[in-house]
Amino acid sequence: MTDCIFCRIIRGEIPSQRVFENEAFVAFRDIHPAAPVHVLLVPKRHVPDLLSLRDDPEGASLMGALADVVPEVARLCGVDRTGFRLVANCGEDGGQTIFHLHFHLLGGRAFGERLL
């Protein structure tokens, strides 16, 4: 998708503060942080949302790659020992505003409200 803001960031057309990059993901700082550490983990391949992975032949491998990326990004951001929250919004009612799958890694402070 050519006009997707995350695709444009991945291609380097829009600047970002990159924290991490490998063959599957790019991680960069959110421009409107909700916590002292707020990094977006974005797959390089355009996937609209979490539900799209269900019918995607590469969906399982993408989630496996995420399992490798999260600990490394948490370490690079200094929250691997103190803890962090990982969030994925899905769909309009779920709060998703950019329809390119992404995960918010939030940390650097205690989160008072438990979600579950």
PDB file of N, CA and C in Angstrom:
ATOM      1  N   MET A   1       0.865  -1.182   0.000  1.00  0.00           N
ATOM      2  CA  MET A   1       0.000   0.000   0.000  1.00  0.00           C
ATOM      3  C   MET A   1       0.902   1.233   0.000  1.00  0.00           C
ATOM      4  N   THR A   2       0.742   2.088  -0.970  1.00  0.00           N
ATOM      5  CA  THR A   2       1.672   3.196  -1.148  1.00  0.00           C
ATOM      6  C   THR A   2       1.392   4.399  -0.262  1.00  0.00           C
ATOM      7  N   ASP A   3       0.141   4.634   0.126  1.00  0.00           N
ATOM      8  CA  ASP A   3      -0.164   5.822   0.900  1.00  0.00           C
ATOM      9  C   ASP A   3      -0.233   5.573   2.403  1.00  0.00           C
ATOM     10  N   CYS A   4       0.032   4.359   2.852  1.00  0.00           N
ATOM     11  CA  CYS A   4       0.025   4.030   4.277  1.00  0.00           C
ATOM     12  C   CYS A   4       1.200   4.739   4.963  1.00  0.00           C
ATOM     13  N   ILE A   5       0.907   5.465   6.038  1.00  0.00           N
ATOM     14  CA  ILE A   5       1.956   6.219   6.723  1.00  0.00           C
ATOM     15  C   ILE A   5       3.057   5.302   7.260  1.00  0.00           C
ATOM     16  N   PHE A   6       2.695   4.113   7.764  1.00  0.00           N
ATOM     17  CA  PHE A   6       3.724   3.205   8.272  1.00  0.00           C
ATOM     18  C   PHE A   6       4.554   2.620   7.136  1.00  0.00           C
ATOM     19  N   CYS A   7       3.933   2.335   5.999  1.00  0.00           N
ATOM     20  CA  CYS A   7       4.706   1.863   4.839  1.00  0.00           C
ATOM     21  C   CYS A   7       5.698   2.938   4.403  1.00  0.00           C
ATOM     22  N   ARG A   8       5.273   4.193   4.448  1.00  0.00           N
ATOM     23  CA  ARG A   8       6.156   5.298   4.072  1.00  0.00           C
ATOM     24  C   ARG A   8       7.298   5.462   5.075  1.00  0.00           C
ATOM     25  N   ILE A   9       7.021   5.272   6.362  1.00  0.00           N
ATOM     26  CA  ILE A   9       8.089   5.317   7.374  1.00  0.00           C
ATOM     27  C   ILE A   9       9.074   4.180   7.143  1.00  0.00           C
ATOM     28  N   ILE A  10       8.567   2.986   6.887  1.00  0.00           N
ATOM     29  CA  ILE A  10       9.423   1.819   6.650  1.00  0.00           C
ATOM     30  C   ILE A  10      10.337   2.070   5.454  1.00  0.00           C
ATOM     31  N   ARG A  11       9.809   2.673   4.403  1.00  0.00           N
ATOM     32  CA  ARG A  11      10.608   2.960   3.193  1.00  0.00           C
ATOM     33  C   ARG A  11      11.553   4.144   3.382  1.00  0.00           C
ATOM     34  N   GLY A  12      11.448   4.857   4.509  1.00  0.00           N
ATOM     35  CA  GLY A  12      12.317   5.993   4.771  1.00  0.00           C
ATOM     36  C   GLY A  12      11.835   7.290   4.155  1.00  0.00           C
ATOM     37  N   GLU A  13      10.601   7.326   3.665  1.00  0.00           N
ATOM     38  CA  GLU A  13      10.051   8.535   3.065  1.00  0.00           C
ATOM     39  C   GLU A  13       9.626   9.545   4.131  1.00  0.00           C
ATOM     40  N   ILE A  14       9.324   9.055   5.316  1.00  0.00           N
ATOM     41  CA  ILE A  14       8.974   9.897   6.458  1.00  0.00           C
ATOM     42  C   ILE A  14       9.977   9.581   7.557  1.00  0.00           C
ATOM     43  N   PRO A  15      10.610  10.591   8.145  1.00  0.00           N
ATOM     44  CA  PRO A  15      11.607  10.329   9.186  1.00  0.00           C
ATOM     45  C   PRO A  15      10.973   9.742  10.449  1.00  0.00           C
ATOM     46  N   SER A  16      11.767   8.955  11.143  1.00  0.00           N
ATOM     47  CA  SER A  16      11.344   8.390  12.424  1.00  0.00           C
ATOM     48  C   SER A  16      12.571   8.184  13.290  1.00  0.00           C
ATOM     49  N   GLN A  17      12.332   8.051  14.586  1.00  0.00           N
ATOM     50  CA  GLN A  17      13.422   7.732  15.518  1.00  0.00           C
ATOM     51  C   GLN A  17      13.436   6.215  15.691  1.00  0.00           C
ATOM     52  N   ARG A  18      14.162   5.544  14.838  1.00  0.00           N
ATOM     53  CA  ARG A  18      14.210   4.084  14.856  1.00  0.00           C
ATOM     54  C   ARG A  18      14.991   3.587  16.054  1.00  0.00           C
ATOM     55  N   VAL A  19      14.433   2.567  16.668  1.00  0.00           N
ATOM     56  CA  VAL A  19      15.049   1.929  17.825  1.00  0.00           C
ATOM     57  C   VAL A  19      15.631   0.580  17.419  1.00  0.00           C
ATOM     58  N   PHE A  20      14.985  -0.063  16.442  1.00  0.00           N
ATOM     59  CA  PHE A  20      15.345  -1.426  16.057  1.00  0.00           C
ATOM     60  C   PHE A  20      14.843  -1.678  14.643  1.00  0.00           C
ATOM     61  N   GLU A  21      15.577  -2.538  13.925  1.00  0.00           N
ATOM     62  CA  GLU A  21      15.118  -2.983  12.617  1.00  0.00           C
ATOM     63  C   GLU A  21      15.732  -4.337  12.316  1.00  0.00           C
ATOM     64  N   ASN A  22      14.926  -5.229  11.769  1.00  0.00           N
ATOM     65  CA  ASN A  22      15.430  -6.485  11.230  1.00  0.00           C
ATOM     66  C   ASN A  22      14.696  -6.756   9.929  1.00  0.00           C
ATOM     67  N   GLU A  23      14.761  -7.981   9.426  1.00  0.00           N
ATOM     68  CA  GLU A  23      14.147  -8.276   8.136  1.00  0.00           C
ATOM     69  C   GLU A  23      12.613  -8.234   8.170  1.00  0.00           C
ATOM     70  N   ALA A  24      12.017  -8.379   9.346  1.00  0.00           N
ATOM     71  CA  ALA A  24      10.560  -8.462   9.450  1.00  0.00           C
ATOM     72  C   ALA A  24       9.911  -7.238  10.077  1.00  0.00           C
ATOM     73  N   PHE A  25      10.605  -6.538  10.980  1.00  0.00           N
ATOM     74  CA  PHE A  25       9.995  -5.450  11.755  1.00  0.00           C
ATOM     75  C   PHE A  25      10.867  -4.206  11.789  1.00  0.00           C
ATOM     76  N   VAL A  26      10.199  -3.081  11.989  1.00  0.00           N
ATOM     77  CA  VAL A  26      10.837  -1.811  12.317  1.00  0.00           C
ATOM     78  C   VAL A  26      10.205  -1.348  13.627  1.00  0.00           C
ATOM     79  N   ALA A  27      11.011  -0.835  14.524  1.00  0.00           N
ATOM     80  CA  ALA A  27      10.506  -0.269  15.773  1.00  0.00           C
ATOM     81  C   ALA A  27      10.987   1.169  15.856  1.00  0.00           C
ATOM     82  N   PHE A  28      10.045   2.072  16.129  1.00  0.00           N
ATOM     83  CA  PHE A  28      10.396   3.488  16.221  1.00  0.00           C
ATOM     84  C   PHE A  28       9.546   4.152  17.293  1.00  0.00           C
ATOM     85  N   ARG A  29      10.043   5.276  17.793  1.00  0.00           N
ATOM     86  CA  ARG A  29       9.360   6.002  18.868  1.00  0.00           C
ATOM     87  C   ARG A  29       8.074   6.641  18.350  1.00  0.00           C
ATOM     88  N   ASP A  30       7.024   6.555  19.166  1.00  0.00           N
ATOM     89  CA  ASP A  30       5.742   7.165  18.832  1.00  0.00           C
ATOM     90  C   ASP A  30       5.875   8.680  18.941  1.00  0.00           C
ATOM     91  N   ILE A  31       5.304   9.416  17.994  1.00  0.00           N
ATOM     92  CA  ILE A  31       5.418  10.888  18.034  1.00  0.00           C
ATOM     93  C   ILE A  31       4.477  11.511  19.058  1.00  0.00           C
ATOM     94  N   HIS A  32       3.519  10.736  19.574  1.00  0.00           N
ATOM     95  CA  HIS A  32       2.617  11.204  20.636  1.00  0.00           C
ATOM     96  C   HIS A  32       2.667  10.184  21.774  1.00  0.00           C
ATOM     97  N   PRO A  33       3.780  10.146  22.516  1.00  0.00           N
ATOM     98  CA  PRO A  33       3.954   9.089  23.518  1.00  0.00           C
ATOM     99  C   PRO A  33       2.936   9.150  24.649  1.00  0.00           C
ATOM    100  N   ALA A  34       2.465   7.964  25.030  1.00  0.00           N
ATOM    101  CA  ALA A  34       1.531   7.821  26.150  1.00  0.00           C
ATOM    102  C   ALA A  34       2.255   7.381  27.421  1.00  0.00           C
ATOM    103  N   ALA A  35       3.560   7.207  27.337  1.00  0.00           N
ATOM    104  CA  ALA A  35       4.394   6.797  28.469  1.00  0.00           C
ATOM    105  C   ALA A  35       5.817   7.251  28.164  1.00  0.00           C
ATOM    106  N   PRO A  36       6.702   7.267  29.166  1.00  0.00           N
ATOM    107  CA  PRO A  36       8.091   7.663  28.900  1.00  0.00           C
ATOM    108  C   PRO A  36       8.743   6.835  27.791  1.00  0.00           C
ATOM    109  N   VAL A  37       8.420   5.554  27.741  1.00  0.00           N
ATOM    110  CA  VAL A  37       8.850   4.703  26.634  1.00  0.00           C
ATOM    111  C   VAL A  37       7.600   4.330  25.859  1.00  0.00           C
ATOM    112  N   HIS A  38       7.540   4.726  24.607  1.00  0.00           N
ATOM    113  CA  HIS A  38       6.403   4.383  23.746  1.00  0.00           C
ATOM    114  C   HIS A  38       6.966   4.151  22.351  1.00  0.00           C
ATOM    115  N   VAL A  39       7.113   2.884  22.024  1.00  0.00           N
ATOM    116  CA  VAL A  39       7.710   2.482  20.762  1.00  0.00           C
ATOM    117  C   VAL A  39       6.684   1.679  19.982  1.00  0.00           C
ATOM    118  N   LEU A  40       6.619   1.913  18.686  1.00  0.00           N
ATOM    119  CA  LEU A  40       5.741   1.150  17.804  1.00  0.00           C
ATOM    120  C   LEU A  40       6.551   0.064  17.112  1.00  0.00           C
ATOM    121  N   LEU A  41       6.061  -1.158  17.162  1.00  0.00           N
ATOM    122  CA  LEU A  41       6.671  -2.290  16.480  1.00  0.00           C
ATOM    123  C   LEU A  41       5.793  -2.591  15.273  1.00  0.00           C
ATOM    124  N   VAL A  42       6.340  -2.398  14.081  1.00  0.00           N
ATOM    125  CA  VAL A  42       5.556  -2.444  12.852  1.00  0.00           C
ATOM    126  C   VAL A  42       6.159  -3.464  11.897  1.00  0.00           C
ATOM    127  N   PRO A  43       5.360  -4.428  11.435  1.00  0.00           N
ATOM    128  CA  PRO A  43       5.897  -5.348  10.436  1.00  0.00           C
ATOM    129  C   PRO A  43       6.182  -4.603   9.133  1.00  0.00           C
ATOM    130  N   LYS A  44       7.251  -4.977   8.463  1.00  0.00           N
ATOM    131  CA  LYS A  44       7.606  -4.331   7.203  1.00  0.00           C
ATOM    132  C   LYS A  44       6.589  -4.644   6.110  1.00  0.00           C
ATOM    133  N   ARG A  45       6.003  -5.791   6.179  1.00  0.00           N
ATOM    134  CA  ARG A  45       4.983  -6.183   5.208  1.00  0.00           C
ATOM    135  C   ARG A  45       3.648  -5.601   5.640  1.00  0.00           C
ATOM    136  N   HIS A  46       2.934  -4.980   4.721  1.00  0.00           N
ATOM    137  CA  HIS A  46       1.653  -4.360   5.076  1.00  0.00           C
ATOM    138  C   HIS A  46       0.616  -5.443   5.382  1.00  0.00           C
ATOM    139  N   VAL A  47       0.139  -5.403   6.620  1.00  0.00           N
ATOM    140  CA  VAL A  47      -0.950  -6.246   7.094  1.00  0.00           C
ATOM    141  C   VAL A  47      -1.922  -5.282   7.769  1.00  0.00           C
ATOM    142  N   PRO A  48      -3.201  -5.259   7.385  1.00  0.00           N
ATOM    143  CA  PRO A  48      -4.108  -4.243   7.923  1.00  0.00           C
ATOM    144  C   PRO A  48      -4.332  -4.308   9.435  1.00  0.00           C
ATOM    145  N   ASP A  49      -4.481  -5.507   9.991  1.00  0.00           N
ATOM    146  CA  ASP A  49      -4.781  -5.629  11.417  1.00  0.00           C
ATOM    147  C   ASP A  49      -4.553  -7.065  11.872  1.00  0.00           C
ATOM    148  N   LEU A  50      -4.755  -7.307  13.159  1.00  0.00           N
ATOM    149  CA  LEU A  50      -4.549  -8.643  13.723  1.00  0.00           C
ATOM    150  C   LEU A  50      -5.434  -9.701  13.067  1.00  0.00           C
ATOM    151  N   LEU A  51      -6.674  -9.359  12.791  1.00  0.00           N
ATOM    152  CA  LEU A  51      -7.586 -10.341  12.206  1.00  0.00           C
ATOM    153  C   LEU A  51      -7.157 -10.770  10.812  1.00  0.00           C
ATOM    154  N   SER A  52      -6.448  -9.924  10.118  1.00  0.00           N
ATOM    155  CA  SER A  52      -5.959 -10.263   8.779  1.00  0.00           C
ATOM    156  C   SER A  52      -4.933 -11.382   8.808  1.00  0.00           C
ATOM    157  N   LEU A  53      -4.311 -11.604   9.954  1.00  0.00           N
ATOM    158  CA  LEU A  53      -3.310 -12.672  10.061  1.00  0.00           C
ATOM    159  C   LEU A  53      -3.932 -14.056   9.979  1.00  0.00           C
ATOM    160  N   ARG A  54      -5.213 -14.164  10.314  1.00  0.00           N
ATOM    161  CA  ARG A  54      -5.900 -15.452  10.334  1.00  0.00           C
ATOM    162  C   ARG A  54      -5.824 -16.154   8.976  1.00  0.00           C
ATOM    163  N   ASP A  55      -6.020 -15.409   7.903  1.00  0.00           N
ATOM    164  CA  ASP A  55      -6.028 -15.981   6.561  1.00  0.00           C
ATOM    165  C   ASP A  55      -4.717 -15.769   5.815  1.00  0.00           C
ATOM    166  N   ASP A  56      -3.721 -15.286   6.507  1.00  0.00           N
ATOM    167  CA  ASP A  56      -2.427 -14.981   5.904  1.00  0.00           C
ATOM    168  C   ASP A  56      -1.503 -16.175   6.072  1.00  0.00           C
ATOM    169  N   PRO A  57      -1.003 -16.752   4.979  1.00  0.00           N
ATOM    170  CA  PRO A  57      -0.115 -17.913   5.110  1.00  0.00           C
ATOM    171  C   PRO A  57       1.164 -17.621   5.894  1.00  0.00           C
ATOM    172  N   GLU A  58       1.535 -16.347   5.987  1.00  0.00           N
ATOM    173  CA  GLU A  58       2.736 -15.970   6.729  1.00  0.00           C
ATOM    174  C   GLU A  58       2.405 -15.387   8.098  1.00  0.00           C
ATOM    175  N   GLY A  59       1.143 -15.429   8.503  1.00  0.00           N
ATOM    176  CA  GLY A  59       0.717 -14.832   9.761  1.00  0.00           C
ATOM    177  C   GLY A  59       1.403 -15.424  10.975  1.00  0.00           C
ATOM    178  N   ALA A  60       1.496 -16.747  11.029  1.00  0.00           N
ATOM    179  CA  ALA A  60       2.122 -17.402  12.181  1.00  0.00           C
ATOM    180  C   ALA A  60       3.603 -17.058  12.267  1.00  0.00           C
ATOM    181  N   SER A  61       4.278 -17.010  11.136  1.00  0.00           N
ATOM    182  CA  SER A  61       5.710 -16.685  11.184  1.00  0.00           C
ATOM    183  C   SER A  61       5.924 -15.227  11.575  1.00  0.00           C
ATOM    184  N   LEU A  62       5.001 -14.355  11.194  1.00  0.00           N
ATOM    185  CA  LEU A  62       5.107 -12.954  11.596  1.00  0.00           C
ATOM    186  C   LEU A  62       4.972 -12.821  13.108  1.00  0.00           C
ATOM    187  N   MET A  63       4.027 -13.538  13.692  1.00  0.00           N
ATOM    188  CA  MET A  63       3.858 -13.483  15.151  1.00  0.00           C
ATOM    189  C   MET A  63       5.060 -14.128  15.860  1.00  0.00           C
ATOM    190  N   GLY A  64       5.639 -15.161  15.255  1.00  0.00           N
ATOM    191  CA  GLY A  64       6.855 -15.746  15.813  1.00  0.00           C
ATOM    192  C   GLY A  64       8.009 -14.758  15.786  1.00  0.00           C
ATOM    193  N   ALA A  65       8.107 -14.001  14.705  1.00  0.00           N
ATOM    194  CA  ALA A  65       9.149 -12.974  14.609  1.00  0.00           C
ATOM    195  C   ALA A  65       8.928 -11.895  15.667  1.00  0.00           C
ATOM    196  N   LEU A  66       7.661 -11.572  15.937  1.00  0.00           N
ATOM    197  CA  LEU A  66       7.351 -10.594  16.978  1.00  0.00           C
ATOM    198  C   LEU A  66       7.858 -11.068  18.338  1.00  0.00           C
ATOM    199  N   ALA A  67       7.736 -12.358  18.603  1.00  0.00           N
ATOM    200  CA  ALA A  67       8.201 -12.912  19.881  1.00  0.00           C
ATOM    201  C   ALA A  67       9.710 -12.737  20.053  1.00  0.00           C
ATOM    202  N   ASP A  68      10.443 -12.646  18.964  1.00  0.00           N
ATOM    203  CA  ASP A  68      11.881 -12.388  19.035  1.00  0.00           C
ATOM    204  C   ASP A  68      12.174 -10.893  19.160  1.00  0.00           C
ATOM    205  N   VAL A  69      11.347 -10.072  18.543  1.00  0.00           N
ATOM    206  CA  VAL A  69      11.574  -8.631  18.499  1.00  0.00           C
ATOM    207  C   VAL A  69      11.267  -7.967  19.839  1.00  0.00           C
ATOM    208  N   VAL A  70      10.178  -8.351  20.483  1.00  0.00           N
ATOM    209  CA  VAL A  70       9.733  -7.684  21.713  1.00  0.00           C
ATOM    210  C   VAL A  70      10.819  -7.657  22.788  1.00  0.00           C
ATOM    211  N   PRO A  71      11.435  -8.798  23.145  1.00  0.00           N
ATOM    212  CA  PRO A  71      12.459  -8.735  24.197  1.00  0.00           C
ATOM    213  C   PRO A  71      13.652  -7.849  23.834  1.00  0.00           C
ATOM    214  N   GLU A  72      14.021  -7.852  22.554  1.00  0.00           N
ATOM    215  CA  GLU A  72      15.157  -7.035  22.131  1.00  0.00           C
ATOM    216  C   GLU A  72      14.819  -5.545  22.205  1.00  0.00           C
ATOM    217  N   VAL A  73      13.648  -5.155  21.754  1.00  0.00           N
ATOM    218  CA  VAL A  73      13.240  -3.753  21.820  1.00  0.00           C
ATOM    219  C   VAL A  73      13.095  -3.321  23.282  1.00  0.00           C
ATOM    220  N   ALA A  74      12.517  -4.174  24.110  1.00  0.00           N
ATOM    221  CA  ALA A  74      12.400  -3.854  25.541  1.00  0.00           C
ATOM    222  C   ALA A  74      13.783  -3.644  26.160  1.00  0.00           C
ATOM    223  N   ARG A  75      14.738  -4.475  25.795  1.00  0.00           N
ATOM    224  CA  ARG A  75      16.108  -4.326  26.309  1.00  0.00           C
ATOM    225  C   ARG A  75      16.724  -3.016  25.831  1.00  0.00           C
ATOM    226  N   LEU A  76      16.596  -2.727  24.547  1.00  0.00           N
ATOM    227  CA  LEU A  76      17.167  -1.505  23.987  1.00  0.00           C
ATOM    228  C   LEU A  76      16.563  -0.253  24.621  1.00  0.00           C
ATOM    229  N   CYS A  77      15.310  -0.345  25.037  1.00  0.00           N
ATOM    230  CA  CYS A  77      14.617   0.799  25.646  1.00  0.00           C
ATOM    231  C   CYS A  77      14.750   0.822  27.164  1.00  0.00           C
ATOM    232  N   GLY A  78      15.406  -0.177  27.736  1.00  0.00           N
ATOM    233  CA  GLY A  78      15.665  -0.194  29.168  1.00  0.00           C
ATOM    234  C   GLY A  78      14.485  -0.592  30.031  1.00  0.00           C
ATOM    235  N   VAL A  79      13.513  -1.307  29.466  1.00  0.00           N
ATOM    236  CA  VAL A  79      12.354  -1.715  30.258  1.00  0.00           C
ATOM    237  C   VAL A  79      12.219  -3.237  30.372  1.00  0.00           C
ATOM    238  N   ASP A  80      13.234  -3.947  29.925  1.00  0.00           N
ATOM    239  CA  ASP A  80      13.165  -5.418  29.976  1.00  0.00           C
ATOM    240  C   ASP A  80      13.159  -5.935  31.410  1.00  0.00           C
ATOM    241  N   ARG A  81      13.776  -5.235  32.331  1.00  0.00           N
ATOM    242  CA  ARG A  81      13.817  -5.689  33.735  1.00  0.00           C
ATOM    243  C   ARG A  81      12.703  -5.080  34.590  1.00  0.00           C
ATOM    244  N   THR A  82      12.239  -3.897  34.219  1.00  0.00           N
ATOM    245  CA  THR A  82      11.222  -3.222  35.027  1.00  0.00           C
ATOM    246  C   THR A  82       9.805  -3.560  34.589  1.00  0.00           C
ATOM    247  N   GLY A  83       9.652  -3.937  33.335  1.00  0.00           N
ATOM    248  CA  GLY A  83       8.346  -4.315  32.816  1.00  0.00           C
ATOM    249  C   GLY A  83       7.801  -3.320  31.812  1.00  0.00           C
ATOM    250  N   PHE A  84       6.830  -3.773  31.061  1.00  0.00           N
ATOM    251  CA  PHE A  84       6.238  -2.967  30.001  1.00  0.00           C
ATOM    252  C   PHE A  84       4.874  -3.530  29.660  1.00  0.00           C
ATOM    253  N   ARG A  85       4.149  -2.784  28.860  1.00  0.00           N
ATOM    254  CA  ARG A  85       2.847  -3.219  28.360  1.00  0.00           C
ATOM    255  C   ARG A  85       2.952  -3.286  26.845  1.00  0.00           C
ATOM    256  N   LEU A  86       2.412  -4.345  26.259  1.00  0.00           N
ATOM    257  CA  LEU A  86       2.380  -4.502  24.809  1.00  0.00           C
ATOM    258  C   LEU A  86       0.912  -4.497  24.385  1.00  0.00           C
ATOM    259  N   VAL A  87       0.554  -3.569  23.478  1.00  0.00           N
ATOM    260  CA  VAL A  87      -0.840  -3.370  23.100  1.00  0.00           C
ATOM    261  C   VAL A  87      -0.969  -3.400  21.585  1.00  0.00           C
ATOM    262  N   ALA A  88      -2.017  -4.068  21.111  1.00  0.00           N
ATOM    263  CA  ALA A  88      -2.387  -4.017  19.696  1.00  0.00           C
ATOM    264  C   ALA A  88      -3.864  -3.660  19.623  1.00  0.00           C
ATOM    265  N   ASN A  89      -4.172  -2.538  19.012  1.00  0.00           N
ATOM    266  CA  ASN A  89      -5.559  -2.150  18.795  1.00  0.00           C
ATOM    267  C   ASN A  89      -6.016  -2.778  17.483  1.00  0.00           C
ATOM    268  N   CYS A  90      -7.265  -3.237  17.448  1.00  0.00           N
ATOM    269  CA  CYS A  90      -7.770  -3.893  16.247  1.00  0.00           C
ATOM    270  C   CYS A  90      -9.146  -3.337  15.900  1.00  0.00           C
ATOM    271  N   GLY A  91      -9.243  -2.709  14.745  1.00  0.00           N
ATOM    272  CA  GLY A  91     -10.507  -2.157  14.276  1.00  0.00           C
ATOM    273  C   GLY A  91     -10.817  -0.814  14.909  1.00  0.00           C
ATOM    274  N   GLU A  92     -11.791  -0.155  14.324  1.00  0.00           N
ATOM    275  CA  GLU A  92     -12.159   1.179  14.804  1.00  0.00           C
ATOM    276  C   GLU A  92     -12.612   1.168  16.258  1.00  0.00           C
ATOM    277  N   ASP A  93     -13.475   0.223  16.632  1.00  0.00           N
ATOM    278  CA  ASP A  93     -13.946   0.162  18.014  1.00  0.00           C
ATOM    279  C   ASP A  93     -12.828  -0.207  18.980  1.00  0.00           C
ATOM    280  N   GLY A  94     -11.790  -0.871  18.488  1.00  0.00           N
ATOM    281  CA  GLY A  94     -10.645  -1.214  19.319  1.00  0.00           C
ATOM    282  C   GLY A  94      -9.634  -0.089  19.428  1.00  0.00           C
ATOM    283  N   GLY A  95      -9.898   1.024  18.753  1.00  0.00           N
ATOM    284  CA  GLY A  95      -9.012   2.180  18.846  1.00  0.00           C
ATOM    285  C   GLY A  95      -7.945   2.240  17.772  1.00  0.00           C
ATOM    286  N   GLN A  96      -8.007   1.369  16.765  1.00  0.00           N
ATOM    287  CA  GLN A  96      -7.001   1.392  15.705  1.00  0.00           C
ATOM    288  C   GLN A  96      -7.260   2.582  14.794  1.00  0.00           C
ATOM    289  N   THR A  97      -6.246   3.418  14.597  1.00  0.00           N
ATOM    290  CA  THR A  97      -6.391   4.596  13.745  1.00  0.00           C
ATOM    291  C   THR A  97      -5.546   4.504  12.482  1.00  0.00           C
ATOM    292  N   ILE A  98      -4.506   3.689  12.503  1.00  0.00           N
ATOM    293  CA  ILE A  98      -3.688   3.445  11.318  1.00  0.00           C
ATOM    294  C   ILE A  98      -3.844   1.965  10.989  1.00  0.00           C
ATOM    295  N   PHE A  99      -4.336   1.687   9.796  1.00  0.00           N
ATOM    296  CA  PHE A  99      -4.661   0.311   9.450  1.00  0.00           C
ATOM    297  C   PHE A  99      -3.493  -0.388   8.764  1.00  0.00           C
ATOM    298  N   HIS A 100      -2.427  -0.458   9.536  1.00  0.00           N
ATOM    299  CA  HIS A 100      -1.239  -1.267   9.267  1.00  0.00           C
ATOM    300  C   HIS A 100      -0.930  -1.865  10.632  1.00  0.00           C
ATOM    301  N   LEU A 101      -0.948  -3.179  10.729  1.00  0.00           N
ATOM    302  CA  LEU A 101      -0.738  -3.850  12.007  1.00  0.00           C
ATOM    303  C   LEU A 101       0.462  -3.247  12.732  1.00  0.00           C
ATOM    304  N   HIS A 102       0.288  -2.949  14.013  1.00  0.00           N
ATOM    305  CA  HIS A 102       1.393  -2.435  14.825  1.00  0.00           C
ATOM    306  C   HIS A 102       1.100  -2.710  16.284  1.00  0.00           C
ATOM    307  N   PHE A 103       2.169  -2.731  17.050  1.00  0.00           N
ATOM    308  CA  PHE A 103       2.099  -3.004  18.485  1.00  0.00           C
ATOM    309  C   PHE A 103       2.751  -1.848  19.217  1.00  0.00           C
ATOM    310  N   HIS A 104       2.118  -1.408  20.303  1.00  0.00           N
ATOM    311  CA  HIS A 104       2.653  -0.349  21.145  1.00  0.00           C
ATOM    312  C   HIS A 104       3.379  -0.996  22.316  1.00  0.00           C
ATOM    313  N   LEU A 105       4.657  -0.723  22.459  1.00  0.00           N
ATOM    314  CA  LEU A 105       5.412  -1.148  23.635  1.00  0.00           C
ATOM    315  C   LEU A 105       5.521   0.072  24.534  1.00  0.00           C
ATOM    316  N   LEU A 106       4.888  -0.010  25.707  1.00  0.00           N
ATOM    317  CA  LEU A 106       4.804   1.108  26.639  1.00  0.00           C
ATOM    318  C   LEU A 106       5.512   0.751  27.931  1.00  0.00           C
ATOM    319  N   GLY A 107       6.310   1.658  28.457  1.00  0.00           N
ATOM    320  CA  GLY A 107       7.001   1.399  29.709  1.00  0.00           C
ATOM    321  C   GLY A 107       7.627   2.665  30.262  1.00  0.00           C
ATOM    322  N   GLY A 108       8.495   2.480  31.242  1.00  0.00           N
ATOM    323  CA  GLY A 108       9.166   3.610  31.860  1.00  0.00           C
ATOM    324  C   GLY A 108       8.416   4.200  33.031  1.00  0.00           C
ATOM    325  N   ARG A 109       7.288   3.627  33.365  1.00  0.00           N
ATOM    326  CA  ARG A 109       6.503   4.044  34.533  1.00  0.00           C
ATOM    327  C   ARG A 109       5.592   2.890  34.924  1.00  0.00           C
ATOM    328  N   ALA A 110       5.079   2.953  36.136  1.00  0.00           N
ATOM    329  CA  ALA A 110       4.117   1.946  36.580  1.00  0.00           C
ATOM    330  C   ALA A 110       2.747   2.269  35.990  1.00  0.00           C
ATOM    331  N   PHE A 111       2.065   1.251  35.567  1.00  0.00           N
ATOM    332  CA  PHE A 111       0.697   1.403  35.060  1.00  0.00           C
ATOM    333  C   PHE A 111      -0.250   0.997  36.175  1.00  0.00           C
ATOM    334  N   GLY A 112      -1.062   1.951  36.637  1.00  0.00           N
ATOM    335  CA  GLY A 112      -1.919   1.710  37.797  1.00  0.00           C
ATOM    336  C   GLY A 112      -3.114   0.836  37.545  1.00  0.00           C
ATOM    337  N   GLU A 113      -3.658   0.912  36.356  1.00  0.00           N
ATOM    338  CA  GLU A 113      -4.876   0.154  36.072  1.00  0.00           C
ATOM    339  C   GLU A 113      -4.538  -1.180  35.413  1.00  0.00           C
ATOM    340  N   ARG A 114      -5.040  -2.238  35.997  1.00  0.00           N
ATOM    341  CA  ARG A 114      -4.877  -3.544  35.359  1.00  0.00           C
ATOM    342  C   ARG A 114      -5.991  -3.716  34.354  1.00  0.00           C
ATOM    343  N   LEU A 115      -5.644  -4.180  33.185  1.00  0.00           N
ATOM    344  CA  LEU A 115      -6.643  -4.355  32.143  1.00  0.00           C
ATOM    345  C   LEU A 115      -7.437  -5.629  32.312  1.00  0.00           C
ATOM    346  N   LEU A 116      -6.845  -6.622  32.894  1.00  0.00           N
ATOM    347  CA  LEU A 116      -7.530  -7.904  33.100  1.00  0.00           C
ATOM    348  C   LEU A 116      -7.437  -8.320  34.540  1.00  0.00           C
TER     349      LEU A 116
END
